[in-house]
Amino acid sequence: MSLRNKKNLFRRPPQVESSKAQIHTKFHKIPEIKFEDQQLTSFSGLLIFQLFFKRIRLKDKLKKCFSNLKVSPIFGHHLVVLLLIVHLILGFRRLREIDYYRDDPLVLRLMGFKKLPDVSTISRSLSQMDTQSIANLRRLSRSFVINGLQRESFGRLTLDFDGSVLSTKGHAEGSAVGFNKVKKGARSYYPYRHHQPR
């Protein structure tokens, strides 16, 4: 085999761009869940989230977070964020694990897609998000939490913070002997980041 043929053999196929009509689709009706033998996938629990996301108008609210960006890709930034939310709900952490449910009809229905974006498309979309967009997302997230707390009217809230214990030698300032299952009896401290008020 010649050197030219070897290069052609390992060359990646050219990327084919898709139109929005080839990617997006609309689902208005929520499938009815019946306690019988239905052709459901292992991700059928997403039906509940599809209804929930629709009621809180999550997709529209996410879209407003990126209204300051001029770029309007086929896979909108708000849809990429929604896909990451679904990704976490399904119990996945790495982007490449999208391949586990890439062709799942219930995931595609929830997203309103005919096909899911690949990892490079998601990474590119994330890199295009600017500081303002991220601030808008944080503001939206806070509003969901605060509105939920106000709606429930809890009498008491317990905040549980997890930290990492760092051991130190000698008597460093701020260190003390406490629970340290790695080095029992060693002086340790919990690092934290101090945020200046704005």
Protein backbone atom coordinates (compact mmCIF):
# COMPACT_ATOMS: atom_id res chain seq x y z
CA MET A 1 0.00 0.00 0.00
CA SER A 2 1.40 3.39 -0.96
CA LEU A 3 1.94 6.22 1.49
CA ARG A 4 -0.87 8.23 -0.12
CA ASN A 5 -3.36 5.37 0.27
CA LYS A 6 -2.34 4.95 3.93
CA LYS A 7 -3.05 8.63 4.57
CA ASN A 8 -6.47 8.34 2.92
CA LEU A 9 -7.24 5.26 5.01
CA PHE A 10 -6.85 7.09 8.33
CA ARG A 11 -8.32 10.41 7.21
CA ARG A 12 -11.48 11.48 9.02
CA PRO A 13 -14.63 11.76 6.93
CA PRO A 14 -15.61 15.36 6.10
CA GLN A 15 -18.05 17.03 8.51
CA VAL A 16 -21.50 17.42 6.98
CA GLU A 17 -23.46 20.38 8.26
CA SER A 18 -27.15 19.85 8.99
CA SER A 19 -29.99 22.32 8.69
CA LYS A 20 -32.29 23.20 11.59
CA ALA A 21 -35.11 21.26 9.94
CA GLN A 22 -32.93 18.14 10.01
CA ILE A 23 -32.15 18.61 13.72
CA HIS A 24 -35.20 20.07 15.44
CA THR A 25 -38.67 18.63 15.84
CA LYS A 26 -41.66 19.54 18.02
CA PHE A 27 -43.48 17.39 20.55
CA HIS A 28 -46.54 18.98 22.13
CA LYS A 29 -48.31 16.00 23.63
CA ILE A 30 -46.95 14.33 26.76
CA PRO A 31 -47.10 10.52 26.33
CA GLU A 32 -49.62 8.82 28.62
CA ILE A 33 -48.08 6.46 31.15
CA LYS A 34 -50.01 3.24 31.68
CA PHE A 35 -49.23 0.38 34.02
CA GLU A 36 -49.07 -2.24 31.33
CA ASP A 37 -46.58 -3.74 28.90
CA GLN A 38 -45.41 -0.66 27.00
CA GLN A 39 -42.47 -0.26 24.67
CA LEU A 40 -40.51 2.06 26.96
CA THR A 41 -36.76 2.56 27.18
CA SER A 42 -34.61 2.52 30.29
CA PHE A 43 -34.91 6.33 30.37
CA SER A 44 -38.72 6.40 30.46
CA GLY A 45 -38.62 8.36 33.74
CA LEU A 46 -37.78 11.42 31.65
CA LEU A 47 -41.48 11.71 30.80
CA ILE A 48 -42.01 13.25 34.24
CA PHE A 49 -39.22 15.76 33.67
CA GLN A 50 -40.60 16.62 30.23
CA LEU A 51 -43.86 17.73 31.85
CA PHE A 52 -42.01 19.51 34.68
CA PHE A 53 -39.72 21.42 32.31
CA LYS A 54 -42.75 22.47 30.28
CA ARG A 55 -44.60 23.77 33.35
CA ILE A 56 -41.68 25.89 34.56
CA ARG A 57 -40.93 27.00 30.98
CA LEU A 58 -37.31 25.98 31.44
CA LYS A 59 -36.39 26.02 27.77
CA ASP A 60 -37.67 29.59 27.27
CA LYS A 61 -35.96 30.83 30.43
CA LEU A 62 -32.66 29.25 29.41
CA LYS A 63 -32.94 30.84 25.98
CA LYS A 64 -33.22 34.32 27.55
CA CYS A 65 -29.93 33.71 29.36
CA PHE A 66 -28.14 33.76 26.01
CA SER A 67 -30.07 36.60 24.34
CA ASN A 68 -26.92 38.75 24.49
CA LEU A 69 -25.02 36.39 22.16
CA LYS A 70 -25.20 37.23 18.48
CA VAL A 71 -24.25 33.73 17.32
CA SER A 72 -27.27 31.48 16.75
CA PRO A 73 -26.02 27.93 16.14
CA ILE A 74 -28.26 25.04 15.09
CA PHE A 75 -27.84 23.54 18.55
CA GLY A 76 -28.66 26.67 20.56
CA HIS A 77 -26.70 27.39 23.71
CA HIS A 78 -29.84 27.03 25.82
CA LEU A 79 -30.46 23.58 24.33
CA VAL A 80 -26.89 22.51 25.09
CA VAL A 81 -27.40 23.57 28.73
CA LEU A 82 -30.71 21.68 28.82
CA LEU A 83 -28.97 18.60 27.43
CA LEU A 84 -26.34 18.84 30.19
CA ILE A 85 -29.14 19.02 32.79
CA VAL A 86 -30.68 15.87 31.31
CA HIS A 87 -27.22 14.31 31.21
CA LEU A 88 -26.83 14.82 34.97
CA ILE A 89 -30.38 13.64 35.69
CA LEU A 90 -29.60 10.38 33.91
CA GLY A 91 -26.59 9.92 36.19
CA PHE A 92 -23.80 10.64 33.71
CA ARG A 93 -20.84 12.96 34.24
CA ARG A 94 -18.53 12.73 31.22
CA LEU A 95 -19.59 14.27 27.93
CA ARG A 96 -18.66 11.19 25.93
CA GLU A 97 -21.25 9.21 27.88
CA ILE A 98 -23.89 10.87 25.70
CA ASP A 99 -23.30 7.92 23.36
CA TYR A 100 -25.19 5.73 25.87
CA TYR A 101 -28.48 7.44 25.03
CA ARG A 102 -27.75 9.14 21.72
CA ASP A 103 -30.53 7.28 19.89
CA ASP A 104 -32.99 7.04 22.78
CA PRO A 105 -36.41 8.25 21.54
CA LEU A 106 -37.47 9.63 24.94
CA VAL A 107 -34.34 11.75 25.28
CA LEU A 108 -34.82 13.05 21.74
CA ARG A 109 -38.48 13.80 22.51
CA LEU A 110 -37.63 15.78 25.63
CA MET A 111 -34.96 17.76 23.81
CA GLY A 112 -37.03 18.31 20.67
CA PHE A 113 -34.23 16.87 18.53
CA LYS A 114 -34.06 14.36 15.73
CA LYS A 115 -30.45 13.73 16.67
CA LEU A 116 -28.17 14.84 19.50
CA PRO A 117 -25.04 16.97 19.04
CA ASP A 118 -21.64 15.32 19.24
CA VAL A 119 -19.10 16.07 21.96
CA SER A 120 -17.13 18.56 19.85
CA THR A 121 -20.29 20.56 19.12
CA ILE A 122 -21.16 20.70 22.83
CA SER A 123 -17.62 21.75 23.77
CA ARG A 124 -17.62 24.45 21.11
CA SER A 125 -20.97 25.77 22.34
CA LEU A 126 -19.72 25.91 25.94
CA SER A 127 -16.59 27.80 24.89
CA GLN A 128 -18.76 30.46 23.19
CA MET A 129 -20.63 31.30 26.41
CA ASP A 130 -19.41 34.61 27.77
CA THR A 131 -19.34 36.01 31.30
CA GLN A 132 -22.74 37.67 30.93
CA SER A 133 -24.37 34.41 29.81
CA ILE A 134 -22.92 32.53 32.78
CA ALA A 135 -24.09 35.27 35.15
CA ASN A 136 -27.59 35.00 33.65
CA LEU A 137 -27.57 31.23 34.20
CA ARG A 138 -26.52 31.67 37.82
CA ARG A 139 -29.26 34.24 38.35
CA LEU A 140 -31.85 31.87 36.88
CA SER A 141 -30.62 29.02 39.07
CA ARG A 142 -30.84 31.21 42.18
CA SER A 143 -34.35 32.30 41.28
CA PHE A 144 -35.52 28.69 41.02
CA VAL A 145 -34.08 27.90 44.45
CA ILE A 146 -35.35 31.06 46.16
CA ASN A 147 -38.83 30.79 44.64
CA GLY A 148 -39.01 27.16 45.72
CA LEU A 149 -38.02 28.00 49.27
CA GLN A 150 -40.52 30.85 49.47
CA ARG A 151 -43.26 28.63 48.08
CA GLU A 152 -42.63 25.89 50.64
CA SER A 153 -42.26 28.31 53.59
CA PHE A 154 -39.91 26.10 55.57
CA GLY A 155 -39.61 26.92 59.27
CA ARG A 156 -35.97 25.87 59.35
CA LEU A 157 -33.23 25.16 56.81
CA THR A 158 -30.16 23.00 57.42
CA LEU A 159 -27.17 23.61 55.15
CA ASP A 160 -24.69 20.74 54.94
CA PHE A 161 -21.24 21.68 53.62
CA ASP A 162 -18.64 19.08 52.70
CA GLY A 163 -14.95 19.95 52.85
CA SER A 164 -11.54 18.46 52.26
CA VAL A 165 -9.26 17.94 55.25
CA LEU A 166 -5.63 18.94 54.66
CA SER A 167 -3.02 17.71 57.08
CA THR A 168 -0.14 19.90 58.15
CA LYS A 169 3.08 19.41 60.09
CA GLY A 170 3.83 21.41 63.20
CA HIS A 171 1.42 24.02 64.53
CA ALA A 172 0.31 25.96 61.47
CA GLU A 173 -2.05 28.86 62.13
CA GLY A 174 -5.70 27.81 61.98
CA SER A 175 -4.95 24.10 62.27
CA ALA A 176 -6.21 21.79 65.01
CA VAL A 177 -6.49 18.12 65.86
CA GLY A 178 -9.84 16.85 64.63
CA PHE A 179 -11.41 14.13 62.56
CA ASN A 180 -8.90 12.97 59.99
CA LYS A 181 -9.38 9.37 58.93
CA VAL A 182 -6.24 9.41 56.77
CA LYS A 183 -3.80 10.72 59.40
CA LYS A 184 -5.41 10.24 62.81
CA GLY A 185 -4.18 12.68 65.45
CA ALA A 186 -2.51 14.97 62.92
CA ARG A 187 -3.20 18.69 62.98
CA SER A 188 -5.41 19.61 60.04
CA TYR A 189 -7.48 22.42 58.63
CA TYR A 190 -10.27 22.97 56.14
CA PRO A 191 -9.31 25.27 53.27
CA TYR A 192 -11.89 27.77 52.15
CA ARG A 193 -12.10 30.67 49.75
CA HIS A 194 -13.01 34.06 51.13
CA HIS A 195 -15.39 36.04 48.91
CA GLN A 196 -15.27 39.80 49.17
CA PRO A 197 -18.74 41.40 49.23
CA ARG A 198 -19.61 43.49 46.19
